[in-house]
C-alpha atoms as a PDB file:
ATOM      1  CA  UNK A   1     145.341  68.399  76.911  1.00  0.00           C
ATOM      2  CA  UNK A   2     144.968  65.222  74.937  1.00  0.00           C
ATOM      3  CA  UNK A   3     143.775  65.361  71.378  1.00  0.00           C
ATOM      4  CA  UNK A   4     140.459  63.589  70.819  1.00  0.00           C
ATOM      5  CA  UNK A   5     140.800  60.107  69.431  1.00  0.00           C
ATOM      6  CA  UNK A   6     138.818  59.229  66.342  1.00  0.00           C
ATOM      7  CA  UNK A   7     137.387  61.505  63.741  1.00  0.00           C
ATOM      8  CA  UNK A   8     136.131  64.931  64.680  1.00  0.00           C
ATOM      9  CA  UNK A   9     133.041  66.207  62.929  1.00  0.00           C
ATOM     10  CA  UNK A  10     132.474  69.864  62.522  1.00  0.00           C
ATOM     11  CA  UNK A  11     128.983  71.185  62.968  1.00  0.00           C
ATOM     12  CA  UNK A  12     127.845  72.978  59.846  1.00  0.00           C
ATOM     13  CA  UNK A  13     127.117  76.606  60.596  1.00  0.00           C
ATOM     14  CA  UNK A  14     124.226  78.312  58.929  1.00  0.00           C
ATOM     15  CA  UNK A  15     125.059  81.808  57.725  1.00  0.00           C
ATOM     16  CA  UNK A  16     122.107  83.232  59.679  1.00  0.00           C
ATOM     17  CA  UNK A  17     122.279  81.348  62.998  1.00  0.00           C
ATOM     18  CA  UNK A  18     121.681  84.527  64.976  1.00  0.00           C
ATOM     19  CA  UNK A  19     118.472  85.409  63.123  1.00  0.00           C
ATOM     20  CA  UNK A  20     115.304  84.351  64.887  1.00  0.00           C
ATOM     21  CA  UNK A  21     112.316  82.914  63.152  1.00  0.00           C
ATOM     22  CA  UNK A  22     109.599  85.478  62.752  1.00  0.00           C
ATOM     23  CA  UNK A  23     105.957  84.513  63.145  1.00  0.00           C
ATOM     24  CA  UNK A  24     102.874  86.549  62.710  1.00  0.00           C
ATOM     25  CA  UNK A  25     100.639  87.257  65.710  1.00  0.00           C
ATOM     26  CA  UNK A  26      97.840  85.406  63.925  1.00  0.00           C
ATOM     27  CA  UNK A  27      99.947  82.247  63.682  1.00  0.00           C
ATOM     28  CA  UNK A  28     100.815  82.419  67.387  1.00  0.00           C
ATOM     29  CA  UNK A  29      97.136  82.798  68.251  1.00  0.00           C
ATOM     30  CA  UNK A  30      96.257  79.719  66.188  1.00  0.00           C
ATOM     31  CA  UNK A  31      98.989  77.707  67.923  1.00  0.00           C
ATOM     32  CA  UNK A  32      97.738  78.821  71.354  1.00  0.00           C
ATOM     33  CA  UNK A  33      94.160  77.820  70.495  1.00  0.00           C
ATOM     34  CA  UNK A  34      95.251  74.415  69.242  1.00  0.00           C
ATOM     35  CA  UNK A  35      97.240  73.803  72.409  1.00  0.00           C
ATOM     36  CA  UNK A  36      94.368  74.939  74.639  1.00  0.00           C
ATOM     37  CA  UNK A  37      91.900  72.735  72.774  1.00  0.00           C
ATOM     38  CA  UNK A  38      94.169  69.701  72.900  1.00  0.00           C
ATOM     39  CA  UNK A  39      94.556  69.896  76.690  1.00  0.00           C
ATOM     40  CA  UNK A  40      91.296  68.951  78.352  1.00  0.00           C
ATOM     41  CA  UNK A  41      91.108  69.613  82.075  1.00  0.00           C
ATOM     42  CA  UNK A  42      90.128  66.631  84.176  1.00  0.00           C
ATOM     43  CA  UNK A  43      87.078  66.843  86.391  1.00  0.00           C
ATOM     44  CA  UNK A  44      89.109  65.999  89.490  1.00  0.00           C
ATOM     45  CA  UNK A  45      92.597  67.412  89.918  1.00  0.00           C
ATOM     46  CA  UNK A  46      95.337  64.849  90.408  1.00  0.00           C
ATOM     47  CA  UNK A  47      96.646  64.754  93.947  1.00  0.00           C
ATOM     48  CA  UNK A  48     100.060  63.267  94.633  1.00  0.00           C
ATOM     49  CA  UNK A  49      99.919  60.897  97.574  1.00  0.00           C
ATOM     50  CA  UNK A  50     102.807  59.667  99.622  1.00  0.00           C
ATOM     51  CA  UNK A  51     102.236  56.650 101.850  1.00  0.00           C
ATOM     52  CA  UNK A  52     105.114  57.710 104.109  1.00  0.00           C
ATOM     53  CA  UNK A  53     103.503  61.080 104.744  1.00  0.00           C
ATOM     54  CA  UNK A  54     101.808  61.401 108.143  1.00  0.00           C
ATOM     55  CA  UNK A  55      98.056  61.747 108.319  1.00  0.00           C
ATOM     56  CA  UNK A  56      96.701  65.273 108.655  1.00  0.00           C
ATOM     57  CA  UNK A  57      95.857  64.749 112.357  1.00  0.00           C
ATOM     58  CA  UNK A  58      99.369  63.482 113.094  1.00  0.00           C
ATOM     59  CA  UNK A  59     100.865  66.360 111.132  1.00  0.00           C
ATOM     60  CA  UNK A  60      98.790  68.905 113.046  1.00  0.00           C
ATOM     61  CA  UNK A  61      99.871  67.333 116.343  1.00  0.00           C
ATOM     62  CA  UNK A  62     103.530  67.387 115.290  1.00  0.00           C
ATOM     63  CA  UNK A  63     103.302  71.037 114.251  1.00  0.00           C
ATOM     64  CA  UNK A  64     101.582  71.924 117.544  1.00  0.00           C
ATOM     65  CA  UNK A  65     104.376  70.251 119.531  1.00  0.00           C
ATOM     66  CA  UNK A  66     107.014  72.127 117.520  1.00  0.00           C
ATOM     67  CA  UNK A  67     105.112  75.388 118.004  1.00  0.00           C
ATOM     68  CA  UNK A  68     104.981  74.816 121.767  1.00  0.00           C
ATOM     69  CA  UNK A  69     108.748  74.222 121.833  1.00  0.00           C
ATOM     70  CA  UNK A  70     109.374  77.432 119.899  1.00  0.00           C
ATOM     71  CA  UNK A  71     107.019  79.367 122.148  1.00  0.00           C
ATOM     72  CA  UNK A  72     108.905  78.095 125.198  1.00  0.00           C
ATOM     73  CA  UNK A  73     112.249  79.052 123.683  1.00  0.00           C
ATOM     74  CA  UNK A  74     110.885  82.498 122.845  1.00  0.00           C
ATOM     75  CA  UNK A  75     109.690  83.030 126.424  1.00  0.00           C
ATOM     76  CA  UNK A  76     113.061  81.898 127.782  1.00  0.00           C
ATOM     77  CA  UNK A  77     114.860  84.294 125.440  1.00  0.00           C
ATOM     78  CA  UNK A  78     112.615  87.166 126.532  1.00  0.00           C
ATOM     79  CA  UNK A  79     113.368  86.363 130.164  1.00  0.00           C
ATOM     80  CA  UNK A  80     117.109  86.287 129.520  1.00  0.00           C
ATOM     81  CA  UNK A  81     116.879  89.663 127.799  1.00  0.00           C
ATOM     82  CA  UNK A  82     115.000  91.047 130.812  1.00  0.00           C
ATOM     83  CA  UNK A  83     117.658  89.659 133.155  1.00  0.00           C
ATOM     84  CA  UNK A  84     120.434  91.263 131.131  1.00  0.00           C
ATOM     85  CA  UNK A  85     118.600  94.596 131.170  1.00  0.00           C
ATOM     86  CA  UNK A  86     118.197  94.399 134.939  1.00  0.00           C
ATOM     87  CA  UNK A  87     121.855  93.520 135.341  1.00  0.00           C
ATOM     88  CA  UNK A  88     121.237  90.165 136.966  1.00  0.00           C
ATOM     89  CA  UNK A  89     123.243  87.129 135.953  1.00  0.00           C
ATOM     90  CA  UNK A  90     121.192  85.031 133.537  1.00  0.00           C
ATOM     91  CA  UNK A  91     121.563  81.442 134.652  1.00  0.00           C
ATOM     92  CA  UNK A  92     121.052  78.444 132.457  1.00  0.00           C
ATOM     93  CA  UNK A  93     119.250  76.674 135.279  1.00  0.00           C
ATOM     94  CA  UNK A  94     115.660  77.577 135.884  1.00  0.00           C
ATOM     95  CA  UNK A  95     115.354  77.104 139.635  1.00  0.00           C
ATOM     96  CA  UNK A  96     112.981  80.018 139.917  1.00  0.00           C
ATOM     97  CA  UNK A  97     110.988  79.091 136.833  1.00  0.00           C
ATOM     98  CA  UNK A  98     107.286  78.909 137.157  1.00  0.00           C
ATOM     99  CA  UNK A  99     105.064  77.472 134.488  1.00  0.00           C
ATOM    100  CA  UNK A 100     102.339  79.730 133.210  1.00  0.00           C
ATOM    101  CA  UNK A 101      99.533  78.962 130.838  1.00  0.00           C
ATOM    102  CA  UNK A 102      99.520  81.130 127.701  1.00  0.00           C
ATOM    103  CA  UNK A 103      96.614  80.557 125.318  1.00  0.00           C
ATOM    104  CA  UNK A 104      96.302  76.995 126.531  1.00  0.00           C
ATOM    105  CA  UNK A 105     100.015  76.256 126.143  1.00  0.00           C
ATOM    106  CA  UNK A 106     102.356  75.816 129.087  1.00  0.00           C
ATOM    107  CA  UNK A 107     105.196  78.342 129.014  1.00  0.00           C
ATOM    108  CA  UNK A 108     108.054  78.669 131.481  1.00  0.00           C
ATOM    109  CA  UNK A 109     108.377  82.158 132.888  1.00  0.00           C
ATOM    110  CA  UNK A 110     111.263  83.196 135.071  1.00  0.00           C
ATOM    111  CA  UNK A 111     110.278  85.369 137.962  1.00  0.00           C
ATOM    112  CA  UNK A 112     112.943  87.958 138.641  1.00  0.00           C
ATOM    113  CA  UNK A 113     112.845  90.538 141.340  1.00  0.00           C
ATOM    114  CA  UNK A 114     114.748  93.820 141.042  1.00  0.00           C
ATOM    115  CA  UNK A 115     117.556  94.226 143.635  1.00  0.00           C
END
């Protein structure tokens, strides 16, 4: 390694650098009161606003669409599990898929018949 260029200053070490400052509980209480009194809560909390953020209605719609996609994937996974249990070949194509309504949301459900 290269030696540092220029002068090197040493940091003076105090003989008691490991000792912590001791304060009385009364002093800590006074400091806490001063800090509490100096911070006055505002009547209205500050709300961070982001102009790029979608409106609440758009956000709710987006979340509903994502939920519907997840619900569909869950139903497809359940159907594949059922097919594996029955010993049928799970196909990636859903020729025998029928759409069912579940709590107002369309969900694909594979109809399988035991052999």
